[in-house]
């Protein structure tokens, strides 16, 4: 069964930073109908701590609304690098079990939102990671880029219509990465829009 991305792209009017993951977890794991909905994923716990914003709701539309509001206030856009895919193992949410059918058109997002100057990629390990697929996307569109490091944070940049966009590949916020929580939080805090 081929799945199409359920959320598309979220880009508030003041967007400065675009956070890109791979593809949402299986719907059986969702707590709400928005980005990073998985019970084990620590993305929202991390943002709550970074911005000192306690979320009241953990499930449902109210939870999604709280998280959307935080992103609107801070100028954080969210999407993923995969638009359509097939799960090789139907019950799996691992990136390694995803077969990419169609990539998300991230360059279109960046061209439409000229205020974006930073891209954060959540995850860099394996052939089906936000890092790998994003740079494949640039290569397919003949966009030259520079990558300076080999392990997170992997910093790079590229030019798009005369503007330089910084790219930071950070630790994945998947539950299997919980042992790196403190490191991941410090990385995200450094590259997300300012806390004040």
Protein backbone atom coordinates (compact mmCIF):
# COMPACT_ATOMS: atom_id res chain seq x y z
CA UNK A 1 0.00 0.00 0.00
CA UNK A 2 1.36 3.42 -0.99
CA UNK A 3 0.97 6.15 1.65
CA UNK A 4 0.80 9.86 0.82
CA UNK A 5 2.07 12.36 3.37
CA UNK A 6 -0.90 13.28 5.59
CA UNK A 7 0.21 16.77 6.67
CA UNK A 8 2.05 18.24 3.68
CA UNK A 9 3.87 21.35 4.81
CA UNK A 10 3.36 23.90 7.59
CA UNK A 11 4.90 27.31 6.92
CA UNK A 12 3.75 30.20 9.13
CA UNK A 13 3.92 33.73 7.72
CA UNK A 14 7.09 34.54 9.68
CA UNK A 15 8.87 31.25 8.88
CA UNK A 16 12.68 31.40 9.27
CA UNK A 17 13.55 27.77 9.88
CA UNK A 18 12.23 24.63 8.17
CA UNK A 19 12.41 21.36 10.15
CA UNK A 20 12.33 18.25 7.96
CA UNK A 21 11.91 14.68 9.12
CA UNK A 22 11.52 11.56 6.98
CA UNK A 23 7.84 10.44 7.08
CA UNK A 24 5.24 10.16 9.88
CA UNK A 25 5.03 7.06 12.03
CA UNK A 26 2.18 4.59 11.47
CA UNK A 27 -1.24 6.02 12.40
CA UNK A 28 -1.56 3.38 15.16
CA UNK A 29 1.14 5.32 17.03
CA UNK A 30 -0.41 8.78 16.68
CA UNK A 31 -1.47 10.89 19.64
CA UNK A 32 -2.80 13.69 17.43
CA UNK A 33 -3.24 14.53 13.76
CA UNK A 34 -0.16 16.68 13.13
CA UNK A 35 3.62 16.49 12.79
CA UNK A 36 5.65 14.28 15.15
CA UNK A 37 2.51 12.57 16.53
CA UNK A 38 4.23 9.38 17.72
CA UNK A 39 3.96 8.43 21.38
CA UNK A 40 7.68 7.63 21.62
CA UNK A 41 8.98 10.59 19.59
CA UNK A 42 10.52 13.28 21.81
CA UNK A 43 10.42 16.23 19.37
CA UNK A 44 7.65 18.11 21.21
CA UNK A 45 9.01 17.32 24.67
CA UNK A 46 12.29 18.86 23.52
CA UNK A 47 10.68 22.00 22.05
CA UNK A 48 8.61 22.40 25.22
CA UNK A 49 11.81 22.47 27.27
CA UNK A 50 13.80 24.62 24.83
CA UNK A 51 11.12 27.33 24.72
CA UNK A 52 9.87 26.96 28.30
CA UNK A 53 6.37 26.21 27.00
CA UNK A 54 4.39 23.62 28.92
CA UNK A 55 1.83 21.88 26.73
CA UNK A 56 -1.47 21.28 28.51
CA UNK A 57 -2.80 18.66 26.08
CA UNK A 58 -1.09 15.45 24.99
CA UNK A 59 -3.68 14.07 22.57
CA UNK A 60 -6.26 15.20 20.01
CA UNK A 61 -6.89 18.46 18.18
CA UNK A 62 -6.13 20.62 21.23
CA UNK A 63 -2.64 19.10 21.46
CA UNK A 64 -2.00 19.71 17.75
CA UNK A 65 -3.25 23.30 18.11
CA UNK A 66 -0.88 24.07 21.00
CA UNK A 67 2.10 22.79 19.07
CA UNK A 68 1.06 24.65 15.91
CA UNK A 69 0.78 27.90 17.88
CA UNK A 70 4.31 27.52 19.28
CA UNK A 71 5.67 27.05 15.74
CA UNK A 72 3.72 30.08 14.49
CA UNK A 73 5.13 32.24 17.28
CA UNK A 74 8.73 31.12 16.72
CA UNK A 75 8.72 31.06 12.90
CA UNK A 76 9.26 27.30 12.65
CA UNK A 77 8.06 25.52 9.52
CA UNK A 78 7.67 21.73 9.47
CA UNK A 79 7.47 19.10 6.76
CA UNK A 80 9.19 15.87 5.72
CA UNK A 81 11.44 14.82 2.85
CA UNK A 82 9.18 11.97 1.68
CA UNK A 83 5.85 12.69 -0.03
CA UNK A 84 4.81 9.15 -0.97
CA UNK A 85 6.20 5.83 0.24
CA UNK A 86 5.48 2.18 0.88
CA UNK A 87 6.22 0.36 4.14
CA UNK A 88 8.17 -2.82 3.39
CA UNK A 89 7.02 -4.12 6.79
CA UNK A 90 3.43 -2.98 7.31
CA UNK A 91 3.73 -2.86 11.09
CA UNK A 92 7.04 -0.96 11.10
CA UNK A 93 7.69 2.77 11.49
CA UNK A 94 11.45 2.47 10.97
CA UNK A 95 12.92 4.66 8.22
CA UNK A 96 14.89 1.65 7.02
CA UNK A 97 11.57 -0.09 6.24
CA UNK A 98 10.35 2.74 4.00
CA UNK A 99 10.53 2.51 0.22
CA UNK A 100 10.55 6.04 -1.17
CA UNK A 101 8.10 6.44 -4.06
CA UNK A 102 8.22 10.23 -4.36
CA UNK A 103 10.24 12.89 -2.56
CA UNK A 104 8.66 16.04 -1.12
CA UNK A 105 9.40 19.11 -3.25
CA UNK A 106 11.40 20.98 -0.62
CA UNK A 107 12.98 23.36 -3.13
CA UNK A 108 9.48 24.55 -4.06
CA UNK A 109 8.82 25.33 -0.38
CA UNK A 110 12.08 27.26 -0.12
CA UNK A 111 11.39 29.24 -3.28
CA UNK A 112 7.90 30.14 -2.08
CA UNK A 113 9.09 31.20 1.38
CA UNK A 114 12.11 33.45 0.91
CA UNK A 115 12.36 34.17 4.66
CA UNK A 116 13.64 30.63 5.32
CA UNK A 117 17.39 30.75 5.95
CA UNK A 118 17.85 27.52 7.93
CA UNK A 119 16.90 23.89 7.26
CA UNK A 120 17.09 21.37 10.11
CA UNK A 121 17.12 17.69 9.15
CA UNK A 122 16.05 15.29 11.91
CA UNK A 123 18.15 12.21 11.33
CA UNK A 124 21.18 11.30 9.24
CA UNK A 125 21.79 7.57 9.61
CA UNK A 126 20.92 5.05 6.95
CA UNK A 127 19.89 5.29 3.30
CA UNK A 128 16.34 6.45 4.15
CA UNK A 129 17.08 9.43 6.39
CA UNK A 130 16.08 13.08 6.20
CA UNK A 131 19.75 13.92 5.57
CA UNK A 132 20.28 11.44 2.73
CA UNK A 133 17.02 12.16 0.91
CA UNK A 134 17.33 15.94 1.22
CA UNK A 135 20.79 15.97 -0.36
CA UNK A 136 19.61 13.55 -3.06
CA UNK A 137 16.83 16.07 -3.79
CA UNK A 138 19.39 18.87 -4.20
CA UNK A 139 21.56 16.69 -6.44
CA UNK A 140 18.60 15.70 -8.64
CA UNK A 141 17.87 19.41 -9.17
CA UNK A 142 21.55 20.20 -9.84
CA UNK A 143 21.89 22.39 -6.74
CA UNK A 144 25.51 22.50 -5.55
CA UNK A 145 26.03 22.19 -1.80
CA UNK A 146 28.78 21.96 0.80
CA UNK A 147 28.73 19.57 3.77
CA UNK A 148 31.35 20.12 6.46
CA UNK A 149 30.99 17.29 8.97
CA UNK A 150 30.37 13.56 9.09
CA UNK A 151 28.35 13.11 12.32
CA UNK A 152 25.61 15.18 13.93
CA UNK A 153 25.51 18.03 13.92
CA UNK A 154 26.37 17.77 10.21
CA UNK A 155 26.55 21.33 8.94
CA UNK A 156 26.23 22.37 5.33
CA UNK A 157 24.89 25.09 3.09
CA UNK A 158 23.80 25.82 -0.46
CA UNK A 159 22.75 28.77 -2.56
CA UNK A 160 19.23 29.17 -3.91
CA UNK A 161 18.53 32.20 -6.09
CA UNK A 162 21.25 34.33 -4.48
CA UNK A 163 20.41 33.45 -0.89
CA UNK A 164 22.49 31.11 1.23
CA UNK A 165 20.55 28.48 3.18
CA UNK A 166 22.23 26.80 6.13
CA UNK A 167 21.52 23.08 6.63
CA UNK A 168 22.01 21.26 9.95
CA UNK A 169 21.50 17.49 10.19
CA UNK A 170 20.82 16.75 13.86
CA UNK A 171 20.05 13.65 15.90
CA UNK A 172 16.73 11.98 15.17
CA UNK A 173 14.00 12.52 17.78
CA UNK A 174 12.74 8.95 17.37
CA UNK A 175 12.13 7.07 20.59
CA UNK A 176 14.95 4.64 19.80
CA UNK A 177 17.31 7.62 20.11
CA UNK A 178 16.21 8.58 23.65
CA UNK A 179 19.71 7.86 24.97
CA UNK A 180 20.91 10.91 23.02
CA UNK A 181 18.14 13.17 24.34
CA UNK A 182 20.43 15.68 26.09
CA UNK A 183 22.73 15.97 23.06
CA UNK A 184 19.80 16.30 20.67
CA UNK A 185 18.23 19.01 22.80
CA UNK A 186 21.46 21.04 22.79
CA UNK A 187 21.77 20.69 19.01
CA UNK A 188 18.20 21.82 18.37
CA UNK A 189 18.50 24.68 20.84
CA UNK A 190 21.54 25.95 18.94
CA UNK A 191 19.95 25.94 15.48
CA UNK A 192 16.23 26.62 16.08
CA UNK A 193 15.04 30.24 16.14
CA UNK A 194 16.04 32.11 19.31
CA UNK A 195 14.19 31.37 22.52
CA UNK A 196 13.45 35.06 23.21
